[in-house]
Amino acid sequence: MDNCPNDLPSSCPSPAPSWSQQVQPVFNARCTFCHNPNGANPTLLFTDWSQVHGDRGAILTQLYACKMPPPDGGVAPPMGPDRALLLNWLVCGAPNN
């Protein structure tokens, strides 16, 4: 994708972003509309940490490649600062903190 930034963090920031206070609200706002039992993609559920953690590698790949959330026809607005937050958290190994 032409407008996809090359912004993958080279290391985990200290402290790592917090799942419960920072990251989970982003997933709830941007991902669970489709990734829930009744959503457009009910085979990939992102409604709790264990589900997200289990797919963290694929999530990182899709987010970094600007494929998720969908740039066209998706329901979420552009990522903005949420992108950096999620990339940092994923580079940290997606801790349950």
N, C-alpha and C. Protein backbone atom coordinates (compact mmCIF):
# COMPACT_ATOMS: atom_id res chain seq x y z
N MET A 1 0.84 -1.17 0.00
CA MET A 1 0.00 0.00 0.00
C MET A 1 0.89 1.23 0.00
N ASP A 2 0.61 2.18 -0.85
CA ASP A 2 1.47 3.34 -1.05
C ASP A 2 1.56 4.25 0.17
N ASN A 3 0.49 4.42 0.89
CA ASN A 3 0.47 5.35 2.02
C ASN A 3 0.73 4.67 3.36
N CYS A 4 1.17 3.47 3.34
CA CYS A 4 1.41 2.74 4.58
C CYS A 4 2.78 3.12 5.12
N PRO A 5 2.82 3.66 6.36
CA PRO A 5 4.11 4.09 6.91
C PRO A 5 5.02 2.92 7.29
N ASN A 6 6.31 3.18 7.25
CA ASN A 6 7.32 2.23 7.69
C ASN A 6 7.65 2.60 9.13
N ASP A 7 6.77 2.22 10.05
CA ASP A 7 6.86 2.70 11.42
C ASP A 7 6.89 1.60 12.48
N LEU A 8 7.38 0.43 12.12
CA LEU A 8 7.47 -0.64 13.09
C LEU A 8 8.55 -0.29 14.12
N PRO A 9 8.20 -0.29 15.41
CA PRO A 9 9.20 0.02 16.43
C PRO A 9 10.33 -1.00 16.42
N SER A 10 11.55 -0.53 16.67
CA SER A 10 12.69 -1.44 16.68
C SER A 10 12.82 -2.20 17.99
N SER A 11 12.17 -1.70 19.03
CA SER A 11 12.21 -2.38 20.32
C SER A 11 10.98 -1.99 21.14
N CYS A 12 10.79 -2.70 22.21
CA CYS A 12 9.67 -2.46 23.11
C CYS A 12 9.94 -1.22 23.96
N PRO A 13 8.98 -0.28 24.00
CA PRO A 13 9.18 0.88 24.86
C PRO A 13 9.06 0.49 26.33
N SER A 14 9.59 1.32 27.19
CA SER A 14 9.47 1.08 28.62
C SER A 14 8.78 2.28 29.25
N PRO A 15 7.65 2.07 29.88
CA PRO A 15 6.97 0.79 30.06
C PRO A 15 6.20 0.39 28.81
N ALA A 16 5.89 -0.89 28.73
CA ALA A 16 5.08 -1.39 27.62
C ALA A 16 3.67 -0.83 27.75
N PRO A 17 3.01 -0.57 26.63
CA PRO A 17 1.61 -0.13 26.71
C PRO A 17 0.77 -1.13 27.50
N SER A 18 -0.19 -0.64 28.20
CA SER A 18 -1.04 -1.47 29.07
C SER A 18 -2.22 -2.05 28.29
N TRP A 19 -2.37 -3.38 28.35
CA TRP A 19 -3.52 -4.02 27.71
C TRP A 19 -4.82 -3.45 28.27
N SER A 20 -4.98 -3.49 29.57
CA SER A 20 -6.27 -3.14 30.16
C SER A 20 -6.59 -1.65 30.08
N GLN A 21 -5.59 -0.80 30.19
CA GLN A 21 -5.86 0.64 30.22
C GLN A 21 -5.76 1.31 28.86
N GLN A 22 -4.92 0.81 27.96
CA GLN A 22 -4.70 1.49 26.69
C GLN A 22 -5.10 0.67 25.47
N VAL A 23 -4.70 -0.58 25.43
CA VAL A 23 -4.84 -1.38 24.22
C VAL A 23 -6.24 -1.97 24.07
N GLN A 24 -6.78 -2.54 25.13
CA GLN A 24 -8.11 -3.15 25.02
C GLN A 24 -9.16 -2.14 24.56
N PRO A 25 -9.16 -0.90 25.04
CA PRO A 25 -10.14 0.06 24.51
C PRO A 25 -10.01 0.30 23.00
N VAL A 26 -8.79 0.23 22.48
CA VAL A 26 -8.60 0.39 21.03
C VAL A 26 -9.18 -0.81 20.30
N PHE A 27 -8.90 -2.01 20.78
CA PHE A 27 -9.48 -3.20 20.16
C PHE A 27 -11.00 -3.14 20.21
N ASN A 28 -11.54 -2.73 21.35
CA ASN A 28 -12.99 -2.64 21.48
C ASN A 28 -13.58 -1.64 20.48
N ALA A 29 -12.90 -0.53 20.27
CA ALA A 29 -13.41 0.51 19.38
C ALA A 29 -13.17 0.21 17.91
N ARG A 30 -12.09 -0.50 17.59
CA ARG A 30 -11.69 -0.63 16.19
C ARG A 30 -11.77 -2.03 15.62
N CYS A 31 -11.79 -3.04 16.46
CA CYS A 31 -11.66 -4.41 15.95
C CYS A 31 -12.87 -5.30 16.23
N THR A 32 -13.45 -5.14 17.39
CA THR A 32 -14.50 -6.09 17.78
C THR A 32 -15.81 -5.89 17.04
N PHE A 33 -15.95 -4.83 16.29
CA PHE A 33 -17.15 -4.68 15.47
C PHE A 33 -17.25 -5.86 14.49
N CYS A 34 -16.13 -6.24 13.91
CA CYS A 34 -16.09 -7.37 12.97
C CYS A 34 -15.64 -8.66 13.65
N HIS A 35 -14.71 -8.54 14.59
CA HIS A 35 -14.11 -9.72 15.23
C HIS A 35 -14.81 -10.05 16.54
N ASN A 36 -16.08 -10.48 16.41
CA ASN A 36 -16.88 -10.94 17.54
C ASN A 36 -17.76 -12.07 17.03
N PRO A 37 -18.40 -12.83 17.91
CA PRO A 37 -19.18 -13.99 17.45
C PRO A 37 -20.26 -13.66 16.42
N ASN A 38 -20.78 -12.46 16.41
CA ASN A 38 -21.82 -12.08 15.46
C ASN A 38 -21.32 -11.12 14.39
N GLY A 39 -20.02 -10.90 14.33
CA GLY A 39 -19.45 -9.93 13.40
C GLY A 39 -19.16 -10.52 12.03
N ALA A 40 -18.57 -9.68 11.19
CA ALA A 40 -18.24 -10.08 9.82
C ALA A 40 -17.18 -11.17 9.77
N ASN A 41 -16.32 -11.25 10.80
CA ASN A 41 -15.28 -12.27 10.83
C ASN A 41 -15.31 -13.00 12.18
N PRO A 42 -16.33 -13.85 12.39
CA PRO A 42 -16.47 -14.52 13.68
C PRO A 42 -15.47 -15.65 13.91
N THR A 43 -14.64 -15.96 12.92
CA THR A 43 -13.63 -17.00 13.12
C THR A 43 -12.38 -16.45 13.81
N LEU A 44 -12.19 -15.13 13.76
CA LEU A 44 -11.09 -14.48 14.48
C LEU A 44 -11.70 -13.55 15.50
N LEU A 45 -11.76 -14.01 16.74
CA LEU A 45 -12.37 -13.23 17.80
C LEU A 45 -11.32 -12.43 18.55
N PHE A 46 -11.61 -11.15 18.74
CA PHE A 46 -10.68 -10.28 19.47
C PHE A 46 -11.39 -9.59 20.63
N THR A 47 -12.18 -10.35 21.35
CA THR A 47 -12.96 -9.75 22.44
C THR A 47 -12.26 -9.82 23.80
N ASP A 48 -11.17 -10.57 23.90
CA ASP A 48 -10.42 -10.59 25.16
C ASP A 48 -8.93 -10.80 24.88
N TRP A 49 -8.12 -10.62 25.91
CA TRP A 49 -6.67 -10.68 25.75
C TRP A 49 -6.20 -12.02 25.18
N SER A 50 -6.73 -13.14 25.67
CA SER A 50 -6.23 -14.44 25.22
C SER A 50 -6.45 -14.64 23.73
N GLN A 51 -7.57 -14.15 23.21
CA GLN A 51 -7.83 -14.26 21.77
C GLN A 51 -6.86 -13.39 20.98
N VAL A 52 -6.67 -12.17 21.43
CA VAL A 52 -5.76 -11.26 20.74
C VAL A 52 -4.33 -11.78 20.84
N HIS A 53 -3.93 -12.21 22.02
CA HIS A 53 -2.57 -12.72 22.22
C HIS A 53 -2.30 -13.92 21.33
N GLY A 54 -3.27 -14.80 21.17
CA GLY A 54 -3.11 -15.98 20.34
C GLY A 54 -2.87 -15.66 18.87
N ASP A 55 -3.35 -14.52 18.42
CA ASP A 55 -3.20 -14.12 17.02
C ASP A 55 -2.28 -12.91 16.86
N ARG A 56 -1.45 -12.65 17.86
CA ARG A 56 -0.65 -11.42 17.86
C ARG A 56 0.27 -11.28 16.66
N GLY A 57 0.85 -12.37 16.19
CA GLY A 57 1.73 -12.30 15.02
C GLY A 57 0.98 -11.89 13.77
N ALA A 58 -0.17 -12.50 13.55
CA ALA A 58 -0.99 -12.15 12.39
C ALA A 58 -1.53 -10.73 12.50
N ILE A 59 -1.90 -10.34 13.70
CA ILE A 59 -2.40 -8.97 13.91
C ILE A 59 -1.31 -7.96 13.59
N LEU A 60 -0.10 -8.22 14.08
CA LEU A 60 1.02 -7.33 13.80
C LEU A 60 1.26 -7.23 12.31
N THR A 61 1.27 -8.35 11.63
CA THR A 61 1.50 -8.35 10.18
C THR A 61 0.42 -7.55 9.45
N GLN A 62 -0.84 -7.79 9.78
CA GLN A 62 -1.94 -7.10 9.11
C GLN A 62 -1.96 -5.61 9.43
N LEU A 63 -1.71 -5.26 10.67
CA LEU A 63 -1.69 -3.85 11.08
C LEU A 63 -0.53 -3.12 10.42
N TYR A 64 0.66 -3.71 10.47
CA TYR A 64 1.84 -3.06 9.90
C TYR A 64 1.72 -2.88 8.39
N ALA A 65 1.07 -3.83 7.71
CA ALA A 65 0.88 -3.75 6.27
C ALA A 65 -0.32 -2.86 5.89
N CYS A 66 -0.94 -2.24 6.88
CA CYS A 66 -2.11 -1.36 6.67
C CYS A 66 -3.28 -2.11 6.04
N LYS A 67 -3.40 -3.39 6.35
CA LYS A 67 -4.53 -4.18 5.85
C LYS A 67 -5.67 -4.21 6.86
N MET A 68 -5.35 -3.96 8.12
CA MET A 68 -6.36 -3.91 9.17
C MET A 68 -6.10 -2.69 10.03
N PRO A 69 -7.15 -2.03 10.44
CA PRO A 69 -8.51 -2.20 9.95
C PRO A 69 -8.58 -1.89 8.47
N PRO A 70 -9.59 -2.44 7.77
CA PRO A 70 -9.67 -2.27 6.32
C PRO A 70 -9.68 -0.80 5.92
N PRO A 71 -8.80 -0.44 4.99
CA PRO A 71 -8.75 0.97 4.58
C PRO A 71 -9.95 1.40 3.74
N ASP A 72 -10.56 0.46 3.04
CA ASP A 72 -11.71 0.78 2.18
C ASP A 72 -12.91 -0.02 2.63
N GLY A 73 -13.99 0.65 2.90
CA GLY A 73 -15.21 -0.04 3.26
C GLY A 73 -15.25 -0.50 4.69
N GLY A 74 -14.24 -0.17 5.47
CA GLY A 74 -14.24 -0.56 6.86
C GLY A 74 -15.09 0.38 7.70
N VAL A 75 -15.31 0.00 8.93
CA VAL A 75 -16.16 0.80 9.82
C VAL A 75 -15.34 1.68 10.75
N ALA A 76 -14.05 1.44 10.85
CA ALA A 76 -13.22 2.21 11.77
C ALA A 76 -12.59 3.40 11.05
N PRO A 77 -12.45 4.53 11.76
CA PRO A 77 -11.76 5.68 11.17
C PRO A 77 -10.27 5.38 11.05
N PRO A 78 -9.50 6.25 10.35
CA PRO A 78 -8.06 6.03 10.24
C PRO A 78 -7.42 5.84 11.62
N MET A 79 -6.37 5.06 11.67
CA MET A 79 -5.76 4.67 12.95
C MET A 79 -5.15 5.81 13.75
N GLY A 80 -4.47 6.74 13.11
CA GLY A 80 -3.86 7.83 13.86
C GLY A 80 -2.92 7.30 14.93
N PRO A 81 -2.95 7.89 16.15
CA PRO A 81 -2.03 7.47 17.21
C PRO A 81 -2.30 6.05 17.73
N ASP A 82 -3.49 5.52 17.46
CA ASP A 82 -3.77 4.16 17.90
C ASP A 82 -2.86 3.15 17.22
N ARG A 83 -2.43 3.45 16.00
CA ARG A 83 -1.54 2.54 15.27
C ARG A 83 -0.22 2.37 16.03
N ALA A 84 0.39 3.47 16.42
CA ALA A 84 1.66 3.40 17.15
C ALA A 84 1.50 2.66 18.47
N LEU A 85 0.41 2.92 19.16
CA LEU A 85 0.15 2.24 20.43
C LEU A 85 0.08 0.73 20.22
N LEU A 86 -0.70 0.29 19.24
CA LEU A 86 -0.83 -1.14 18.99
C LEU A 86 0.47 -1.76 18.51
N LEU A 87 1.18 -1.10 17.61
CA LEU A 87 2.46 -1.64 17.15
C LEU A 87 3.44 -1.78 18.30
N ASN A 88 3.52 -0.77 19.17
CA ASN A 88 4.41 -0.85 20.32
C ASN A 88 4.04 -2.02 21.23
N TRP A 89 2.76 -2.17 21.50
CA TRP A 89 2.30 -3.25 22.38
C TRP A 89 2.60 -4.62 21.76
N LEU A 90 2.37 -4.76 20.48
CA LEU A 90 2.64 -6.03 19.81
C LEU A 90 4.13 -6.35 19.76
N VAL A 91 4.97 -5.34 19.54
CA VAL A 91 6.43 -5.54 19.55
C VAL A 91 6.90 -5.97 20.95
N CYS A 92 6.17 -5.56 21.97
CA CYS A 92 6.49 -5.96 23.34
C CYS A 92 6.06 -7.40 23.66
N GLY A 93 5.42 -8.05 22.70
CA GLY A 93 4.96 -9.43 22.92
C GLY A 93 3.53 -9.51 23.39
N ALA A 94 2.79 -8.41 23.31
CA ALA A 94 1.37 -8.35 23.67
C ALA A 94 1.14 -8.78 25.12
N PRO A 95 1.79 -8.10 26.08
CA PRO A 95 1.65 -8.50 27.47
C PRO A 95 0.24 -8.25 28.03
N ASN A 96 -0.15 -9.07 28.97
CA ASN A 96 -1.43 -8.90 29.66
C ASN A 96 -1.18 -8.08 30.92
N ASN A 97 -0.98 -6.80 30.70
CA ASN A 97 -0.62 -5.89 31.80
C ASN A 97 -1.69 -4.84 32.03
